[in-house]
PDB file of N, CA and C in Angstrom:
ATOM      1  N   UNK A   1     -24.309 -12.973 -27.849  1.00  0.00           N
ATOM      2  CA  UNK A   1     -25.297 -13.628 -26.924  1.00  0.00           C
ATOM      3  C   UNK A   1     -24.584 -15.438 -27.352  1.00  0.00           C
ATOM      4  N   UNK A   2     -24.047 -15.607 -26.043  1.00  0.00           N
ATOM      5  CA  UNK A   2     -23.656 -17.315 -26.434  1.00  0.00           C
ATOM      6  C   UNK A   2     -24.440 -17.935 -27.095  1.00  0.00           C
ATOM      7  N   UNK A   3     -24.239 -19.008 -27.336  1.00  0.00           N
ATOM      8  CA  UNK A   3     -24.731 -19.945 -28.389  1.00  0.00           C
ATOM      9  C   UNK A   3     -25.427 -20.859 -27.761  1.00  0.00           C
ATOM     10  N   UNK A   4     -25.521 -21.089 -26.656  1.00  0.00           N
ATOM     11  CA  UNK A   4     -26.588 -22.143 -25.851  1.00  0.00           C
ATOM     12  C   UNK A   4     -27.409 -21.242 -25.077  1.00  0.00           C
ATOM     13  N   UNK A   5     -27.697 -19.794 -25.309  1.00  0.00           N
ATOM     14  CA  UNK A   5     -28.905 -19.055 -24.743  1.00  0.00           C
ATOM     15  C   UNK A   5     -29.428 -18.568 -26.196  1.00  0.00           C
ATOM     16  N   UNK A   6     -29.083 -19.018 -27.273  1.00  0.00           N
ATOM     17  CA  UNK A   6     -29.973 -18.715 -28.421  1.00  0.00           C
ATOM     18  C   UNK A   6     -31.782 -18.978 -28.431  1.00  0.00           C
ATOM     19  N   UNK A   7     -31.775 -19.915 -27.546  1.00  0.00           N
ATOM     20  CA  UNK A   7     -33.204 -20.977 -27.480  1.00  0.00           C
ATOM     21  C   UNK A   7     -34.092 -19.846 -26.967  1.00  0.00           C
ATOM     22  N   UNK A   8     -33.694 -18.788 -26.289  1.00  0.00           N
ATOM     23  CA  UNK A   8     -33.960 -17.856 -25.611  1.00  0.00           C
ATOM     24  C   UNK A   8     -35.313 -17.053 -26.441  1.00  0.00           C
ATOM     25  N   UNK A   9     -34.861 -16.920 -27.119  1.00  0.00           N
ATOM     26  CA  UNK A   9     -35.462 -15.495 -28.475  1.00  0.00           C
ATOM     27  C   UNK A   9     -36.683 -16.474 -28.534  1.00  0.00           C
ATOM     28  N   UNK A  10     -37.127 -17.883 -28.324  1.00  0.00           N
ATOM     29  CA  UNK A  10     -38.292 -18.618 -28.965  1.00  0.00           C
ATOM     30  C   UNK A  10     -39.097 -18.170 -27.545  1.00  0.00           C
ATOM     31  N   UNK A  11     -39.026 -18.102 -26.525  1.00  0.00           N
ATOM     32  CA  UNK A  11     -39.832 -18.256 -25.392  1.00  0.00           C
ATOM     33  C   UNK A  11     -39.797 -16.048 -24.903  1.00  0.00           C
ATOM     34  N   UNK A  12     -39.468 -15.320 -25.401  1.00  0.00           N
ATOM     35  CA  UNK A  12     -39.775 -13.883 -25.532  1.00  0.00           C
ATOM     36  C   UNK A  12     -40.494 -13.525 -26.113  1.00  0.00           C
ATOM     37  N   UNK A  13     -41.592 -12.744 -25.546  1.00  0.00           N
ATOM     38  CA  UNK A  13     -42.454 -11.909 -26.139  1.00  0.00           C
ATOM     39  C   UNK A  13     -42.114 -10.574 -27.137  1.00  0.00           C
ATOM     40  N   UNK A  14     -40.743 -10.335 -25.906  1.00  0.00           N
ATOM     41  CA  UNK A  14     -40.344  -9.209 -27.336  1.00  0.00           C
ATOM     42  C   UNK A  14     -39.682  -9.156 -28.412  1.00  0.00           C
ATOM     43  N   UNK A  15     -39.155 -10.303 -28.561  1.00  0.00           N
ATOM     44  CA  UNK A  15     -38.935 -10.999 -29.693  1.00  0.00           C
ATOM     45  C   UNK A  15     -40.056 -10.748 -31.116  1.00  0.00           C
ATOM     46  N   UNK A  16     -41.123 -11.372 -30.484  1.00  0.00           N
ATOM     47  CA  UNK A  16     -42.374 -11.264 -31.619  1.00  0.00           C
ATOM     48  C   UNK A  16     -43.125  -9.935 -32.116  1.00  0.00           C
ATOM     49  N   UNK A  17     -42.741  -9.446 -30.574  1.00  0.00           N
ATOM     50  CA  UNK A  17     -43.721  -8.041 -30.710  1.00  0.00           C
ATOM     51  C   UNK A  17     -42.386  -7.254 -31.829  1.00  0.00           C
ATOM     52  N   UNK A  18     -41.155  -6.941 -31.696  1.00  0.00           N
ATOM     53  CA  UNK A  18     -40.280  -6.578 -32.573  1.00  0.00           C
ATOM     54  C   UNK A  18     -40.168  -7.211 -34.025  1.00  0.00           C
ATOM     55  N   UNK A  19     -40.402  -8.424 -34.456  1.00  0.00           N
ATOM     56  CA  UNK A  19     -40.308  -8.627 -35.531  1.00  0.00           C
ATOM     57  C   UNK A  19     -41.572  -8.301 -36.230  1.00  0.00           C
ATOM     58  N   UNK A  20     -42.874  -8.048 -35.241  1.00  0.00           N
ATOM     59  CA  UNK A  20     -43.801  -8.142 -35.964  1.00  0.00           C
ATOM     60  C   UNK A  20     -44.056  -6.191 -36.593  1.00  0.00           C
ATOM     61  N   UNK A  21     -43.146  -5.872 -35.514  1.00  0.00           N
ATOM     62  CA  UNK A  21     -43.260  -4.581 -35.841  1.00  0.00           C
ATOM     63  C   UNK A  21     -42.148  -3.807 -36.794  1.00  0.00           C
ATOM     64  N   UNK A  22     -41.300  -4.677 -37.357  1.00  0.00           N
ATOM     65  CA  UNK A  22     -40.015  -4.608 -38.080  1.00  0.00           C
ATOM     66  C   UNK A  22     -41.288  -5.000 -39.097  1.00  0.00           C
ATOM     67  N   UNK A  23     -42.003  -6.070 -39.459  1.00  0.00           N
ATOM     68  CA  UNK A  23     -42.932  -6.462 -40.740  1.00  0.00           C
ATOM     69  C   UNK A  23     -43.556  -5.467 -40.759  1.00  0.00           C
ATOM     70  N   UNK A  24     -44.318  -4.935 -40.246  1.00  0.00           N
ATOM     71  CA  UNK A  24     -45.433  -3.827 -40.533  1.00  0.00           C
ATOM     72  C   UNK A  24     -44.867  -2.514 -41.231  1.00  0.00           C
ATOM     73  N   UNK A  25     -43.368  -2.484 -40.799  1.00  0.00           N
ATOM     74  CA  UNK A  25     -42.820  -1.195 -41.018  1.00  0.00           C
ATOM     75  C   UNK A  25     -42.248  -1.339 -42.311  1.00  0.00           C
ATOM     76  N   UNK A  26     -41.588  -2.734 -42.698  1.00  0.00           N
ATOM     77  CA  UNK A  26     -40.448  -2.444 -43.758  1.00  0.00           C
ATOM     78  C   UNK A  26     -41.295  -3.449 -45.134  1.00  0.00           C
ATOM     79  N   UNK A  27     -42.461  -4.100 -44.865  1.00  0.00           N
ATOM     80  CA  UNK A  27     -43.046  -4.801 -46.130  1.00  0.00           C
ATOM     81  C   UNK A  27     -43.905  -4.277 -46.573  1.00  0.00           C
ATOM     82  N   UNK A  28     -43.146  -4.146 -48.004  1.00  0.00           N
ATOM     83  CA  UNK A  28     -43.914  -3.166 -49.407  1.00  0.00           C
ATOM     84  C   UNK A  28     -44.014  -2.131 -49.143  1.00  0.00           C
ATOM     85  N   UNK A  29     -42.940  -1.550 -48.525  1.00  0.00           N
ATOM     86  CA  UNK A  29     -42.807  -0.339 -48.211  1.00  0.00           C
ATOM     87  C   UNK A  29     -41.501   0.393 -49.694  1.00  0.00           C
ATOM     88  N   UNK A  30     -41.539   1.608 -49.677  1.00  0.00           N
ATOM     89  CA  UNK A  30     -41.008   2.442 -50.460  1.00  0.00           C
ATOM     90  C   UNK A  30     -39.073   2.008 -49.827  1.00  0.00           C
ATOM     91  N   UNK A  31     -38.753   1.948 -51.062  1.00  0.00           N
ATOM     92  CA  UNK A  31     -37.167   1.544 -50.884  1.00  0.00           C
ATOM     93  C   UNK A  31     -36.455   2.668 -50.246  1.00  0.00           C
ATOM     94  N   UNK A  32     -35.214   2.597 -49.449  1.00  0.00           N
ATOM     95  CA  UNK A  32     -34.913   3.403 -48.550  1.00  0.00           C
ATOM     96  C   UNK A  32     -33.221   4.158 -49.751  1.00  0.00           C
ATOM     97  N   UNK A  33     -32.510   4.896 -48.896  1.00  0.00           N
ATOM     98  CA  UNK A  33     -31.826   5.639 -49.786  1.00  0.00           C
ATOM     99  C   UNK A  33     -30.499   4.952 -48.862  1.00  0.00           C
ATOM    100  N   UNK A  34     -29.385   5.020 -49.809  1.00  0.00           N
ATOM    101  CA  UNK A  34     -28.245   4.209 -49.148  1.00  0.00           C
ATOM    102  C   UNK A  34     -27.695   5.394 -48.269  1.00  0.00           C
ATOM    103  N   UNK A  35     -27.578   6.215 -48.804  1.00  0.00           N
ATOM    104  CA  UNK A  35     -26.809   7.796 -48.456  1.00  0.00           C
ATOM    105  C   UNK A  35     -27.358   8.422 -47.169  1.00  0.00           C
ATOM    106  N   UNK A  36     -28.759   7.949 -46.808  1.00  0.00           N
ATOM    107  CA  UNK A  36     -29.749   8.828 -46.335  1.00  0.00           C
ATOM    108  C   UNK A  36     -29.228   8.585 -44.772  1.00  0.00           C
ATOM    109  N   UNK A  37     -28.915   9.782 -44.057  1.00  0.00           N
ATOM    110  CA  UNK A  37     -28.603   9.271 -42.213  1.00  0.00           C
ATOM    111  C   UNK A  37     -28.935   9.671 -41.764  1.00  0.00           C
ATOM    112  N   UNK A  38     -30.701   9.849 -42.010  1.00  0.00           N
ATOM    113  CA  UNK A  38     -31.582   9.742 -41.097  1.00  0.00           C
ATOM    114  C   UNK A  38     -32.622   8.691 -40.666  1.00  0.00           C
ATOM    115  N   UNK A  39     -32.407   7.740 -41.837  1.00  0.00           N
ATOM    116  CA  UNK A  39     -33.081   6.678 -41.754  1.00  0.00           C
ATOM    117  C   UNK A  39     -32.532   5.614 -40.481  1.00  0.00           C
ATOM    118  N   UNK A  40     -31.295   5.422 -40.140  1.00  0.00           N
ATOM    119  CA  UNK A  40     -30.949   4.895 -39.504  1.00  0.00           C
ATOM    120  C   UNK A  40     -30.116   3.814 -39.697  1.00  0.00           C
ATOM    121  N   UNK A  41     -29.955   3.837 -41.193  1.00  0.00           N
ATOM    122  CA  UNK A  41     -29.416   2.198 -41.424  1.00  0.00           C
ATOM    123  C   UNK A  41     -28.516   2.872 -42.412  1.00  0.00           C
ATOM    124  N   UNK A  42     -27.341   1.677 -42.060  1.00  0.00           N
ATOM    125  CA  UNK A  42     -26.170   1.855 -42.600  1.00  0.00           C
ATOM    126  C   UNK A  42     -26.111   1.438 -43.867  1.00  0.00           C
ATOM    127  N   UNK A  43     -26.035   1.729 -45.083  1.00  0.00           N
ATOM    128  CA  UNK A  43     -26.153   1.183 -46.072  1.00  0.00           C
ATOM    129  C   UNK A  43     -24.980   0.407 -46.431  1.00  0.00           C
ATOM    130  N   UNK A  44     -23.581   0.088 -45.757  1.00  0.00           N
ATOM    131  CA  UNK A  44     -22.647  -0.895 -46.054  1.00  0.00           C
ATOM    132  C   UNK A  44     -23.185  -2.174 -45.532  1.00  0.00           C
ATOM    133  N   UNK A  45     -24.085  -2.497 -45.047  1.00  0.00           N
ATOM    134  CA  UNK A  45     -24.869  -3.638 -44.527  1.00  0.00           C
ATOM    135  C   UNK A  45     -25.224  -4.468 -45.684  1.00  0.00           C
ATOM    136  N   UNK A  46     -25.700  -3.582 -46.802  1.00  0.00           N
ATOM    137  CA  UNK A  46     -26.616  -4.145 -47.697  1.00  0.00           C
ATOM    138  C   UNK A  46     -25.791  -4.187 -49.114  1.00  0.00           C
ATOM    139  N   UNK A  47     -26.070  -5.754 -49.880  1.00  0.00           N
ATOM    140  CA  UNK A  47     -24.989  -5.713 -50.829  1.00  0.00           C
ATOM    141  C   UNK A  47     -25.138  -4.799 -52.217  1.00  0.00           C
ATOM    142  N   UNK A  48     -27.032  -4.713 -51.905  1.00  0.00           N
ATOM    143  CA  UNK A  48     -27.114  -3.538 -52.913  1.00  0.00           C
ATOM    144  C   UNK A  48     -26.759  -1.882 -53.196  1.00  0.00           C
ATOM    145  N   UNK A  49     -25.955  -1.898 -51.956  1.00  0.00           N
ATOM    146  CA  UNK A  49     -25.603  -0.105 -51.830  1.00  0.00           C
ATOM    147  C   UNK A  49     -24.364  -0.714 -52.086  1.00  0.00           C
ATOM    148  N   UNK A  50     -23.827  -1.849 -52.464  1.00  0.00           N
ATOM    149  CA  UNK A  50     -21.801  -1.725 -52.348  1.00  0.00           C
ATOM    150  C   UNK A  50     -21.687  -1.585 -54.113  1.00  0.00           C
ATOM    151  N   UNK A  51     -22.605  -2.126 -55.203  1.00  0.00           N
ATOM    152  CA  UNK A  51     -22.830  -1.900 -56.197  1.00  0.00           C
ATOM    153  C   UNK A  51     -22.879  -0.649 -56.732  1.00  0.00           C
ATOM    154  N   UNK A  52     -22.027  -0.049 -57.384  1.00  0.00           N
ATOM    155  CA  UNK A  52     -21.619   1.106 -57.923  1.00  0.00           C
ATOM    156  C   UNK A  52     -22.901   1.830 -58.572  1.00  0.00           C
ATOM    157  N   UNK A  53     -23.908   1.114 -59.236  1.00  0.00           N
ATOM    158  CA  UNK A  53     -24.806   1.886 -59.903  1.00  0.00           C
ATOM    159  C   UNK A  53     -25.997   1.991 -58.536  1.00  0.00           C
ATOM    160  N   UNK A  54     -26.311   1.399 -57.888  1.00  0.00           N
ATOM    161  CA  UNK A  54     -27.355   1.485 -57.034  1.00  0.00           C
ATOM    162  C   UNK A  54     -27.735   2.356 -55.600  1.00  0.00           C
ATOM    163  N   UNK A  55     -28.225   3.113 -55.901  1.00  0.00           N
ATOM    164  CA  UNK A  55     -28.424   4.259 -54.227  1.00  0.00           C
ATOM    165  C   UNK A  55     -29.807   4.022 -53.548  1.00  0.00           C
ATOM    166  N   UNK A  56     -30.622   2.861 -53.784  1.00  0.00           N
ATOM    167  CA  UNK A  56     -31.483   2.405 -52.987  1.00  0.00           C
ATOM    168  C   UNK A  56     -31.593   1.320 -52.485  1.00  0.00           C
ATOM    169  N   UNK A  57     -31.888   0.849 -50.901  1.00  0.00           N
ATOM    170  CA  UNK A  57     -32.024  -0.559 -50.442  1.00  0.00           C
ATOM    171  C   UNK A  57     -33.537  -0.943 -50.954  1.00  0.00           C
ATOM    172  N   UNK A  58     -33.756  -1.674 -51.045  1.00  0.00           N
ATOM    173  CA  UNK A  58     -35.178  -2.323 -51.547  1.00  0.00           C
ATOM    174  C   UNK A  58     -35.702  -2.983 -49.564  1.00  0.00           C
ATOM    175  N   UNK A  59     -37.004  -2.813 -49.681  1.00  0.00           N
ATOM    176  CA  UNK A  59     -36.911  -2.855 -48.010  1.00  0.00           C
ATOM    177  C   UNK A  59     -37.115  -4.549 -48.066  1.00  0.00           C
ATOM    178  N   UNK A  60     -37.400  -5.085 -48.824  1.00  0.00           N
ATOM    179  CA  UNK A  60     -37.477  -6.703 -48.587  1.00  0.00           C
ATOM    180  C   UNK A  60     -35.821  -7.212 -48.479  1.00  0.00           C
ATOM    181  N   UNK A  61     -35.163  -6.299 -48.524  1.00  0.00           N
ATOM    182  CA  UNK A  61     -33.266  -6.715 -48.066  1.00  0.00           C
ATOM    183  C   UNK A  61     -33.319  -6.149 -46.285  1.00  0.00           C
ATOM    184  N   UNK A  62     -34.105  -5.161 -46.378  1.00  0.00           N
ATOM    185  CA  UNK A  62     -34.199  -4.918 -44.952  1.00  0.00           C
ATOM    186  C   UNK A  62     -34.443  -5.901 -44.044  1.00  0.00           C
ATOM    187  N   UNK A  63     -35.505  -6.675 -44.251  1.00  0.00           N
ATOM    188  CA  UNK A  63     -36.569  -7.548 -43.785  1.00  0.00           C
ATOM    189  C   UNK A  63     -34.968  -9.246 -43.821  1.00  0.00           C
ATOM    190  N   UNK A  64     -34.386  -9.179 -44.957  1.00  0.00           N
ATOM    191  CA  UNK A  64     -33.832 -10.437 -45.091  1.00  0.00           C
ATOM    192  C   UNK A  64     -32.741 -10.109 -43.596  1.00  0.00           C
ATOM    193  N   UNK A  65     -32.173  -8.889 -43.889  1.00  0.00           N
ATOM    194  CA  UNK A  65     -30.803  -8.535 -42.687  1.00  0.00           C
ATOM    195  C   UNK A  65     -31.305  -8.887 -41.534  1.00  0.00           C
ATOM    196  N   UNK A  66     -32.614  -8.638 -40.726  1.00  0.00           N
ATOM    197  CA  UNK A  66     -32.799  -8.892 -39.546  1.00  0.00           C
ATOM    198  C   UNK A  66     -33.710 -10.118 -39.603  1.00  0.00           C
ATOM    199  N   UNK A  67     -33.397 -11.290 -40.545  1.00  0.00           N
ATOM    200  CA  UNK A  67     -34.267 -12.521 -39.952  1.00  0.00           C
ATOM    201  C   UNK A  67     -36.128 -12.326 -40.061  1.00  0.00           C
ATOM    202  N   UNK A  68     -36.078 -11.408 -40.530  1.00  0.00           N
ATOM    203  CA  UNK A  68     -37.782 -11.313 -40.847  1.00  0.00           C
ATOM    204  C   UNK A  68     -38.136 -12.682 -41.604  1.00  0.00           C
ATOM    205  N   UNK A  69     -38.413 -13.666 -41.610  1.00  0.00           N
ATOM    206  CA  UNK A  69     -38.878 -14.386 -42.567  1.00  0.00           C
ATOM    207  C   UNK A  69     -40.353 -15.065 -42.611  1.00  0.00           C
ATOM    208  N   UNK A  70     -41.200 -14.903 -41.416  1.00  0.00           N
ATOM    209  CA  UNK A  70     -42.492 -15.098 -41.290  1.00  0.00           C
ATOM    210  C   UNK A  70     -43.289 -14.171 -42.019  1.00  0.00           C
ATOM    211  N   UNK A  71     -44.706 -14.414 -42.033  1.00  0.00           N
ATOM    212  CA  UNK A  71     -45.854 -13.570 -42.194  1.00  0.00           C
ATOM    213  C   UNK A  71     -46.162 -12.579 -41.202  1.00  0.00           C
ATOM    214  N   UNK A  72     -46.928 -11.830 -41.050  1.00  0.00           N
ATOM    215  CA  UNK A  72     -47.305 -11.162 -40.170  1.00  0.00           C
ATOM    216  C   UNK A  72     -48.471 -11.500 -38.540  1.00  0.00           C
ATOM    217  N   UNK A  73     -49.090 -13.055 -39.347  1.00  0.00           N
ATOM    218  CA  UNK A  73     -50.127 -13.231 -38.503  1.00  0.00           C
ATOM    219  C   UNK A  73     -48.953 -14.567 -37.945  1.00  0.00           C
ATOM    220  N   UNK A  74     -47.843 -14.924 -38.415  1.00  0.00           N
ATOM    221  CA  UNK A  74     -46.701 -15.767 -37.273  1.00  0.00           C
ATOM    222  C   UNK A  74     -46.229 -15.092 -36.356  1.00  0.00           C
ATOM    223  N   UNK A  75     -45.973 -14.190 -36.336  1.00  0.00           N
ATOM    224  CA  UNK A  75     -45.312 -12.994 -35.274  1.00  0.00           C
ATOM    225  C   UNK A  75     -46.753 -13.190 -33.973  1.00  0.00           C
ATOM    226  N   UNK A  76     -47.907 -12.660 -34.559  1.00  0.00           N
ATOM    227  CA  UNK A  76     -48.610 -12.700 -33.259  1.00  0.00           C
ATOM    228  C   UNK A  76     -49.621 -13.687 -32.887  1.00  0.00           C
ATOM    229  N   UNK A  77     -49.742 -15.024 -33.563  1.00  0.00           N
ATOM    230  CA  UNK A  77     -49.427 -16.276 -32.806  1.00  0.00           C
ATOM    231  C   UNK A  77     -49.075 -16.440 -31.458  1.00  0.00           C
ATOM    232  N   UNK A  78     -47.960 -16.612 -31.327  1.00  0.00           N
ATOM    233  CA  UNK A  78     -47.448 -16.699 -30.050  1.00  0.00           C
ATOM    234  C   UNK A  78     -48.219 -15.773 -29.049  1.00  0.00           C
ATOM    235  N   UNK A  79     -47.994 -14.271 -29.493  1.00  0.00           N
ATOM    236  CA  UNK A  79     -48.579 -13.376 -28.541  1.00  0.00           C
ATOM    237  C   UNK A  79     -50.002 -13.767 -27.995  1.00  0.00           C
ATOM    238  N   UNK A  80     -50.782 -14.124 -28.801  1.00  0.00           N
ATOM    239  CA  UNK A  80     -52.176 -13.996 -28.323  1.00  0.00           C
ATOM    240  C   UNK A  80     -52.164 -15.752 -27.539  1.00  0.00           C
ATOM    241  N   UNK A  81     -50.933 -16.651 -27.959  1.00  0.00           N
ATOM    242  CA  UNK A  81     -50.709 -17.823 -27.236  1.00  0.00           C
ATOM    243  C   UNK A  81     -50.866 -17.260 -25.672  1.00  0.00           C
ATOM    244  N   UNK A  82     -49.182 -16.822 -25.239  1.00  0.00           N
ATOM    245  CA  UNK A  82     -49.035 -15.447 -24.113  1.00  0.00           C
ATOM    246  C   UNK A  82     -50.433 -15.429 -23.374  1.00  0.00           C
ATOM    247  N   UNK A  83     -51.135 -14.536 -24.363  1.00  0.00           N
ATOM    248  CA  UNK A  83     -52.019 -14.234 -23.380  1.00  0.00           C
ATOM    249  C   UNK A  83     -53.036 -15.002 -23.277  1.00  0.00           C
ATOM    250  N   UNK A  84     -53.142 -15.937 -23.555  1.00  0.00           N
ATOM    251  CA  UNK A  84     -54.102 -17.464 -22.993  1.00  0.00           C
ATOM    252  C   UNK A  84     -53.744 -17.866 -21.886  1.00  0.00           C
ATOM    253  N   UNK A  85     -52.096 -18.172 -21.911  1.00  0.00           N
ATOM    254  CA  UNK A  85     -51.653 -18.910 -21.398  1.00  0.00           C
ATOM    255  C   UNK A  85     -51.459 -18.137 -19.892  1.00  0.00           C
ATOM    256  N   UNK A  86     -51.117 -16.821 -20.140  1.00  0.00           N
ATOM    257  CA  UNK A  86     -51.058 -16.079 -18.803  1.00  0.00           C
ATOM    258  C   UNK A  86     -52.202 -16.007 -18.274  1.00  0.00           C
ATOM    259  N   UNK A  87     -53.097 -15.774 -18.501  1.00  0.00           N
ATOM    260  CA  UNK A  87     -54.503 -15.638 -18.321  1.00  0.00           C
ATOM    261  C   UNK A  87     -55.337 -16.484 -17.570  1.00  0.00           C
ATOM    262  N   UNK A  88     -55.112 -18.208 -18.089  1.00  0.00           N
ATOM    263  CA  UNK A  88     -55.812 -19.415 -17.656  1.00  0.00           C
ATOM    264  C   UNK A  88     -54.516 -19.719 -16.007  1.00  0.00           C
ATOM    265  N   UNK A  89     -53.318 -19.123 -16.455  1.00  0.00           N
ATOM    266  CA  UNK A  89     -52.643 -19.708 -15.020  1.00  0.00           C
ATOM    267  C   UNK A  89     -52.714 -18.487 -13.684  1.00  0.00           C
ATOM    268  N   UNK A  90     -53.079 -17.139 -13.911  1.00  0.00           N
ATOM    269  CA  UNK A  90     -53.559 -16.165 -12.795  1.00  0.00           C
ATOM    270  C   UNK A  90     -54.822 -16.615 -12.647  1.00  0.00           C
ATOM    271  N   UNK A  91     -55.677 -17.224 -13.600  1.00  0.00           N
ATOM    272  CA  UNK A  91     -57.197 -17.715 -12.922  1.00  0.00           C
ATOM    273  C   UNK A  91     -57.193 -18.948 -11.971  1.00  0.00           C
ATOM    274  N   UNK A  92     -56.493 -19.919 -12.441  1.00  0.00           N
ATOM    275  CA  UNK A  92     -55.766 -21.001 -11.577  1.00  0.00           C
ATOM    276  C   UNK A  92     -55.295 -20.863 -10.411  1.00  0.00           C
ATOM    277  N   UNK A  93     -54.378 -19.545 -10.286  1.00  0.00           N
ATOM    278  CA  UNK A  93     -53.513 -19.102  -9.446  1.00  0.00           C
ATOM    279  C   UNK A  93     -54.901 -18.542  -8.026  1.00  0.00           C
ATOM    280  N   UNK A  94     -55.793 -17.778  -8.359  1.00  0.00           N
ATOM    281  CA  UNK A  94     -56.512 -17.076  -8.084  1.00  0.00           C
ATOM    282  C   UNK A  94     -57.645 -17.897  -7.290  1.00  0.00           C
ATOM    283  N   UNK A  95     -57.950 -19.090  -8.325  1.00  0.00           N
ATOM    284  CA  UNK A  95     -59.259 -19.751  -7.679  1.00  0.00           C
ATOM    285  C   UNK A  95     -58.255 -21.071  -6.516  1.00  0.00           C
ATOM    286  N   UNK A  96     -57.409 -21.348  -6.815  1.00  0.00           N
ATOM    287  CA  UNK A  96     -56.990 -22.492  -5.904  1.00  0.00           C
ATOM    288  C   UNK A  96     -55.685 -22.400  -4.800  1.00  0.00           C
ATOM    289  N   UNK A  97     -55.301 -21.372  -4.652  1.00  0.00           N
ATOM    290  CA  UNK A  97     -54.257 -20.839  -3.739  1.00  0.00           C
ATOM    291  C   UNK A  97     -55.058 -20.228  -3.024  1.00  0.00           C
ATOM    292  N   UNK A  98     -55.163 -20.832  -1.734  1.00  0.00           N
ATOM    293  CA  UNK A  98     -56.117 -20.471  -0.031  1.00  0.00           C
ATOM    294  C   UNK A  98     -55.394 -19.403   0.290  1.00  0.00           C
ATOM    295  N   UNK A  99     -55.683 -18.495   0.232  1.00  0.00           N
ATOM    296  CA  UNK A  99     -55.197 -17.407   1.609  1.00  0.00           C
ATOM    297  C   UNK A  99     -55.056 -18.030   3.174  1.00  0.00           C
ATOM    298  N   UNK A 100     -54.075 -17.440   3.861  1.00  0.00           N
ATOM    299  CA  UNK A 100     -54.191 -17.625   4.863  1.00  0.00           C
ATOM    300  C   UNK A 100     -54.969 -17.063   5.987  1.00  0.00           C
ATOM    301  N   UNK A 101     -55.786 -17.971   6.844  1.00  0.00           N
ATOM    302  CA  UNK A 101     -56.712 -17.230   7.483  1.00  0.00           C
ATOM    303  C   UNK A 101     -55.859 -16.833   8.820  1.00  0.00           C
ATOM    304  N   UNK A 102     -56.310 -15.564   9.001  1.00  0.00           N
ATOM    305  CA  UNK A 102     -55.642 -15.008  10.623  1.00  0.00           C
ATOM    306  C   UNK A 102     -56.560 -15.079  11.613  1.00  0.00           C
ATOM    307  N   UNK A 103     -55.755 -15.336  12.612  1.00  0.00           N
ATOM    308  CA  UNK A 103     -56.531 -15.670  13.646  1.00  0.00           C
ATOM    309  C   UNK A 103     -56.584 -14.272  14.912  1.00  0.00           C
TER     310      UNK A 103
END
């Protein structure tokens, strides 16, 4: 993504939804194995796996890797704001935009 387009993630509801899902999945969860291919997490991305005596990835490291640094409710607030804004906008459009009269 070009640097001049990085701001778009702040208006994307998919960004907040995905981050909320990641938070729910990995917050306070059990550690993941560095070698298990079935969990779709590559151990080479995490410094704990590169250490010789470590075989597990803490769930907090996964959240840090994906830059999940907010709490659960902080990802939900923009989604609720989107719902309220779009419902009000929809109401105003339906209420004040006139239909053309057919003759």
